[in-house]
Each structure stands twice: as C-alpha cells, then as structure tokens.
Protein backbone atom coordinates (compact mmCIF):
# COMPACT_ATOMS: atom_id res chain seq x y z
CA UNK A 1 -2.03 -6.90 35.72
CA UNK A 2 -3.76 -3.89 34.14
CA UNK A 3 -7.48 -4.75 34.07
CA UNK A 4 -8.55 -1.58 32.37
CA UNK A 5 -10.28 -2.02 28.96
CA UNK A 6 -7.82 -1.45 26.07
CA UNK A 7 -8.72 1.48 23.77
CA UNK A 8 -7.03 1.52 20.32
CA UNK A 9 -6.00 5.14 19.47
CA UNK A 10 -5.17 5.42 15.91
CA UNK A 11 -4.71 9.16 15.51
CA UNK A 12 -1.54 10.78 13.93
CA UNK A 13 1.58 10.56 16.14
CA UNK A 14 1.46 14.33 17.07
CA UNK A 15 -1.70 13.58 19.08
CA UNK A 16 -0.47 10.49 20.81
CA UNK A 17 0.54 11.89 24.27
CA UNK A 18 -2.61 14.10 24.65
CA UNK A 19 -4.82 11.33 23.43
CA UNK A 20 -3.37 8.74 25.87
CA UNK A 21 -3.83 11.23 28.78
CA UNK A 22 -7.56 11.61 27.88
CA UNK A 23 -8.00 7.80 27.53
CA UNK A 24 -6.26 7.04 30.83
CA UNK A 25 -8.17 9.69 32.70
CA UNK A 26 -11.45 7.99 31.40
CA UNK A 27 -10.39 4.60 32.82
CA UNK A 28 -8.86 3.12 29.64
CA UNK A 29 -5.60 1.38 28.90
CA UNK A 30 -4.47 3.27 25.88
CA UNK A 31 -2.87 1.37 22.99
CA UNK A 32 -1.63 3.89 20.30
CA UNK A 33 -0.88 2.96 16.79
CA UNK A 34 -1.00 5.80 14.12
CA UNK A 35 -2.88 4.67 10.96
CA UNK A 36 -2.79 8.15 9.52
CA UNK A 37 0.30 10.13 8.94
CA UNK A 38 0.20 13.89 8.17
CA UNK A 39 2.46 15.26 5.47
CA UNK A 40 2.74 18.83 4.35
CA UNK A 41 2.11 19.81 0.80
CA UNK A 42 1.84 22.93 -1.26
CA UNK A 43 -0.32 23.02 -4.37
CA UNK A 44 -0.59 25.57 -7.31
CA UNK A 45 -3.39 27.44 -5.42
CA UNK A 46 -1.60 28.37 -2.27
CA UNK A 47 0.18 31.55 -3.47
CA UNK A 48 -3.09 32.89 -4.70
CA UNK A 49 -4.63 32.17 -1.27
CA UNK A 50 -1.89 34.15 0.34
CA UNK A 51 -2.14 37.08 -2.00
CA UNK A 52 -5.82 37.30 -1.40
CA UNK A 53 -5.43 37.34 2.26
CA UNK A 54 -2.67 39.98 2.23
CA UNK A 55 -4.50 42.22 -0.16
CA UNK A 56 -7.76 41.70 1.81
CA UNK A 57 -9.60 40.33 -1.19
CA UNK A 58 -10.77 37.42 0.76
CA UNK A 59 -14.03 37.84 2.80
CA UNK A 60 -13.86 34.62 4.82
CA UNK A 61 -11.16 32.04 5.57
CA UNK A 62 -12.44 28.60 6.77
CA UNK A 63 -10.01 26.32 8.74
CA UNK A 64 -11.47 22.87 8.95
CA UNK A 65 -8.75 21.68 11.30
CA UNK A 66 -5.91 22.71 13.51
CA UNK A 67 -3.66 21.06 11.08
CA UNK A 68 -4.76 23.26 8.31
CA UNK A 69 -3.63 26.33 10.29
CA UNK A 70 -0.16 24.89 11.14
CA UNK A 71 0.54 23.72 7.68
CA UNK A 72 -0.47 27.09 6.20
CA UNK A 73 2.00 28.91 8.28
CA UNK A 74 4.70 26.27 7.40
CA UNK A 75 4.08 26.99 3.83
CA UNK A 76 4.74 30.78 3.95
CA UNK A 77 8.05 30.68 2.10
CA UNK A 78 9.56 34.24 1.96
CA UNK A 79 6.55 35.84 3.63
CA UNK A 80 6.45 36.88 7.20
CA UNK A 81 4.12 34.81 9.37
CA UNK A 82 3.44 37.85 11.50
CA UNK A 83 2.38 39.81 8.38
CA UNK A 84 0.04 36.96 7.28
CA UNK A 85 -1.42 36.72 10.76
CA UNK A 86 -2.04 40.32 11.04
CA UNK A 87 -3.89 40.28 7.60
CA UNK A 88 -6.02 37.34 8.92
CA UNK A 89 -7.12 39.27 11.82
CA UNK A 90 -8.86 41.72 9.54
CA UNK A 91 -10.80 38.90 7.78
CA UNK A 92 -13.72 36.88 8.97
CA UNK A 93 -12.42 33.52 10.19
CA UNK A 94 -14.41 30.33 10.73
CA UNK A 95 -13.30 27.22 12.52
CA UNK A 96 -14.69 23.77 12.46
CA UNK A 97 -14.59 22.28 15.93
CA UNK A 98 -13.12 23.52 19.35
CA UNK A 99 -9.70 22.11 18.66
CA UNK A 100 -9.43 24.27 15.55
CA UNK A 101 -10.73 27.31 17.41
CA UNK A 102 -8.06 26.92 20.22
CA UNK A 103 -5.27 26.47 17.69
CA UNK A 104 -6.42 29.89 16.09
CA UNK A 105 -6.51 31.41 19.53
CA UNK A 106 -2.93 30.32 20.08
CA UNK A 107 -1.89 32.42 17.17
CA UNK A 108 -3.89 35.37 18.37
CA UNK A 109 -6.78 34.83 15.90
CA UNK A 110 -10.52 34.77 16.75
CA UNK A 111 -13.11 32.68 14.95
CA UNK A 112 -16.34 34.63 14.39
CA UNK A 113 -18.25 31.38 13.79
CA UNK A 114 -18.03 27.73 14.84
CA UNK A 115 -20.79 25.54 13.55
CA UNK A 116 -23.02 23.79 15.93
CA UNK A 117 -22.25 20.51 14.15
CA UNK A 118 -18.53 20.20 13.74
CA UNK A 119 -18.60 19.11 10.12
CA UNK A 120 -18.77 20.28 6.52
CA UNK A 121 -22.36 19.72 6.37
CA UNK A 122 -22.95 21.66 9.60
CA UNK A 123 -20.78 24.56 8.38
CA UNK A 124 -22.80 24.82 5.05
CA UNK A 125 -26.08 24.75 6.94
CA UNK A 126 -24.91 27.53 9.39
CA UNK A 127 -23.39 29.86 6.75
CA UNK A 128 -25.52 29.01 3.66
CA UNK A 129 -27.76 32.11 3.92
CA UNK A 130 -24.92 34.57 4.44
CA UNK A 131 -22.24 33.81 1.83
CA UNK A 132 -23.88 35.01 -1.43
CA UNK A 133 -21.31 37.14 -3.28
CA UNK A 134 -18.57 36.38 -0.69
CA UNK A 135 -15.04 35.28 -1.54
CA UNK A 136 -14.05 32.27 0.65
CA UNK A 137 -10.68 30.66 0.96
CA UNK A 138 -10.25 27.21 2.54
CA UNK A 139 -6.72 25.80 3.24
CA UNK A 140 -7.22 22.05 4.03
CA UNK A 141 -6.38 18.50 3.63
CA UNK A 142 -5.99 16.93 0.20
CA UNK A 143 -8.75 14.48 1.33
CA UNK A 144 -11.20 17.17 2.46
CA UNK A 145 -14.84 16.63 1.61
CA UNK A 146 -16.23 18.04 -1.44
CA UNK A 147 -19.53 18.81 0.46
CA UNK A 148 -18.16 22.00 1.97
CA UNK A 149 -16.85 23.55 -1.28
CA UNK A 150 -20.00 22.65 -3.34
CA UNK A 151 -22.40 23.62 -0.71
CA UNK A 152 -20.86 27.04 -0.41
CA UNK A 153 -20.77 27.46 -4.23
CA UNK A 154 -24.40 26.52 -4.44
CA UNK A 155 -25.14 29.18 -1.84
CA UNK A 156 -23.58 31.79 -4.14
CA UNK A 157 -20.00 32.09 -2.84
CA UNK A 158 -16.78 32.22 -4.72
CA UNK A 159 -14.81 29.49 -3.35
CA UNK A 160 -11.01 28.81 -3.53
CA UNK A 161 -9.45 25.87 -1.81
CA UNK A 162 -5.78 24.95 -1.42
CA UNK A 163 -4.40 21.74 -0.06
CA UNK A 164 -1.74 22.34 2.67
CA UNK A 165 -1.42 18.82 3.83
CA UNK A 166 -2.14 15.24 2.83
CA UNK A 167 -2.70 12.01 4.66
CA UNK A 168 -0.60 8.84 4.33
CA UNK A 169 -1.03 5.24 5.44
CA UNK A 170 1.83 4.31 7.81
CA UNK A 171 2.93 0.67 7.62
CA UNK A 172 5.26 -1.27 9.84
CA UNK A 173 5.56 -3.56 12.82
CA UNK A 174 3.43 -1.39 15.01
CA UNK A 175 0.46 -1.46 12.52
CA UNK A 176 0.89 -5.16 12.02
CA UNK A 177 0.60 -5.41 15.90
CA UNK A 178 -2.68 -3.66 15.76
CA UNK A 179 -4.23 -5.99 13.54
CA UNK A 180 -2.75 -8.99 15.29
CA UNK A 181 -4.17 -7.75 18.66
CA UNK A 182 -7.53 -7.15 16.94
CA UNK A 183 -7.65 -10.64 15.71
CA UNK A 184 -6.62 -11.94 19.13
CA UNK A 185 -9.50 -10.13 20.77
CA UNK A 186 -7.02 -8.08 22.96
CA UNK A 187 -8.60 -4.78 22.00
CA UNK A 188 -11.82 -3.79 23.81
CA UNK A 189 -12.58 -0.47 22.08
CA UNK A 190 -11.76 1.32 18.85
CA UNK A 191 -11.88 5.10 18.57
CA UNK A 192 -12.23 6.24 14.97
CA UNK A 193 -11.75 10.11 14.45
CA UNK A 194 -11.87 10.46 10.74
CA UNK A 195 -13.11 8.58 7.56
CA UNK A 196 -9.57 8.32 6.36
CA UNK A 197 -8.64 6.60 9.68
CA UNK A 198 -11.29 4.04 8.95
CA UNK A 199 -10.33 3.32 5.44
CA UNK A 200 -6.57 3.08 6.38
CA UNK A 201 -7.47 0.70 9.12
CA UNK A 202 -9.37 -1.53 6.73
CA UNK A 203 -6.46 -1.27 4.28
CA UNK A 204 -4.26 -2.74 6.97
CA UNK A 205 -6.68 -5.54 7.56
CA UNK A 206 -6.82 -6.21 3.75
CA UNK A 207 -2.98 -6.54 3.85
CA UNK A 208 -3.28 -9.40 6.23
CA UNK A 209 -6.07 -11.03 4.11
CA UNK A 210 -8.25 -11.15 7.33
CA UNK A 211 -10.69 -8.36 6.76
CA UNK A 212 -13.79 -10.54 7.48
CA UNK A 213 -12.26 -11.83 10.82
CA UNK A 214 -11.21 -8.15 11.78
CA UNK A 215 -14.79 -6.98 11.07
CA UNK A 216 -16.09 -9.75 13.31
CA UNK A 217 -13.83 -8.65 16.22
CA UNK A 218 -14.75 -5.00 15.71
CA UNK A 219 -18.40 -5.94 16.04
CA UNK A 220 -17.45 -7.73 19.34
CA UNK A 221 -15.82 -4.53 20.64
CA UNK A 222 -17.04 -1.08 21.49
CA UNK A 223 -16.56 1.12 18.25
CA UNK A 224 -16.77 4.89 18.50
CA UNK A 225 -16.82 7.47 15.77
CA UNK A 226 -16.22 11.19 16.19
CA UNK A 227 -18.95 12.26 13.85
CA UNK A 228 -21.64 10.91 11.60
CA UNK A 229 -19.62 11.06 8.41
CA UNK A 230 -17.06 8.87 10.18
CA UNK A 231 -19.76 6.55 11.57
CA UNK A 232 -21.24 6.13 8.10
CA UNK A 233 -17.86 5.11 6.86
CA UNK A 234 -17.38 2.61 9.65
CA UNK A 235 -20.89 1.14 8.97
CA UNK A 236 -20.09 0.98 5.20
CA UNK A 237 -17.72 -1.84 6.04
CA UNK A 238 -20.28 -3.86 8.02
CA UNK A 239 -19.20 -2.57 11.44
CA UNK A 240 -21.77 -1.42 13.95
CA UNK A 241 -20.99 1.89 15.60
CA UNK A 242 -21.80 1.97 19.27
CA UNK A 243 -20.91 5.56 20.29
CA UNK A 244 -21.10 8.92 18.56
CA UNK A 245 -20.63 11.99 20.94
CA UNK A 246 -22.92 15.07 20.73
CA UNK A 247 -19.74 17.18 20.62
CA UNK A 248 -17.38 16.01 18.06
CA UNK A 249 -14.14 16.01 20.11
CA UNK A 250 -11.81 13.22 21.09
CA UNK A 251 -12.61 13.84 24.79
CA UNK A 252 -16.28 13.56 24.27
CA UNK A 253 -15.75 10.44 22.07
CA UNK A 254 -13.80 8.70 24.87
CA UNK A 255 -16.38 9.56 27.42
CA UNK A 256 -19.41 8.19 25.47
CA UNK A 257 -17.38 5.06 24.66
CA UNK A 258 -16.69 4.50 28.27
CA UNK A 259 -20.33 4.58 29.01
CA UNK A 260 -20.81 1.67 26.60
CA UNK A 261 -18.23 -0.59 28.24
C-alpha cells in the first residue's frame, strides 16, 4: 500500500507528466485532475500586435506565461514564425516567471527583465519608472489580471493587449472523482497554481452541492498557493493557505508544501 501523502494536482493536462514527476520526487503520491483547460483564441487585436512587432513599432513585449508564447505562435496565420521571432529578437522582451523565460529561450529569445515577484504587481513595481512613453504589447490569457495593464498605463505607457488563449472548466467523471475523494478525506494536500484554478475547483464543489463540506476538508488538509493573488482567492472562500513559496514555481510550491506535512 502506498503510504505517501496524496497531492491533488489540478493543472492543465499539458503539465500533468512534469508535475507528477515533481510531486513524486518530493515524496507525494500525485493525483492529477485538470480543473483548467487551455483553449486557443484570436481576438480583434492580434493582427495589430503582429504588425507592430514586424514593423518594430513596439518597444516592449510582455509574456505573462509560457502559454502566451505558444498560442501567439499558433495564431500566426499566413505569417512566418521565423520572421516573427526574428522581429521579436530586436524588441525588449519581458517574462513573468522562470517557466516563461525558459519557454522564450527554447525559441531563441532572451528576456531582458524578469520581475523579482512573479506577478503582475511585481512587474508593474519593477517596470513602473522606465515605461513612460513606451509602446507595450501583452499577448495573454482572456482572464489576465487588469492590474498589469492599468499599472503600466498609469506609469505613462501606451499598452495594447491581445487575448491569445482562454481557460475553460473541464467537467466529467475525473473531476467528479476529485470532489468525491476530497469529501472522503482521501487527499492530503492541494496545490493551487492560479486564481482560475481555485474558482473552477469551487465551481465543481458547487455542482455537487457540498461546498461547505469541501471547504471543511480543505481546511483539514495542507493547502498551497503558488503566489499571493492565488492565496487571496483561496482565502476568499474561507480556506486557510498553509504554504506560499518565495519563488513562484510549481517545484518551489511542492517543496514548501512537503515541509508542512
């Protein structure tokens, strides 16, 4: 019988294998159930973003996630990805978080800045004094925080954002099993890596009509949040957060959660 503590991993399916490896290496028994699904989209502002990059009219491009990079390249209908990447190399690129930076590097791109705090707030704090008069483009999730855009505008920048992917709530037998195991007390720890993940998890609990019981079980388990915005969302549902890593990565989150077991 596996006596390792069970860790609920609720990241999108594309992250499952790598996340399970991290959890297992830390001594957890991973239980993976995606509560967030990524879906590409292309809004009316994407073509303008591409034109500004190709014509070098953009001063700074901010990638808030590795997904933003991947879906940007997938949206390049009729445009050479190589040409677009070459144009990006001549523009200042900013990445939020080491995972985003690594994804950029895989395409031969270099980030000139990565905020010390891997969040929209951290980026505004780090960039605020240097963006007045700059043109900034941000390809991101449909559910991206307004804090980043408004903060840069307030600092004097001209900011364009385009939504290149969105987040959906997957529902099915596996998601039902997640709530069932939660209610049965069979999950020892929950790793929340985004505010959307928290909201979707609670939506699944609402579907069963057992939100109060789910919250009670969460408070009996070890709950980790990858950053303070995510932690605040967890706490807004009446759930105590036990672990927030200093470095906002999944690896760091799992490590600090293991310390709380």
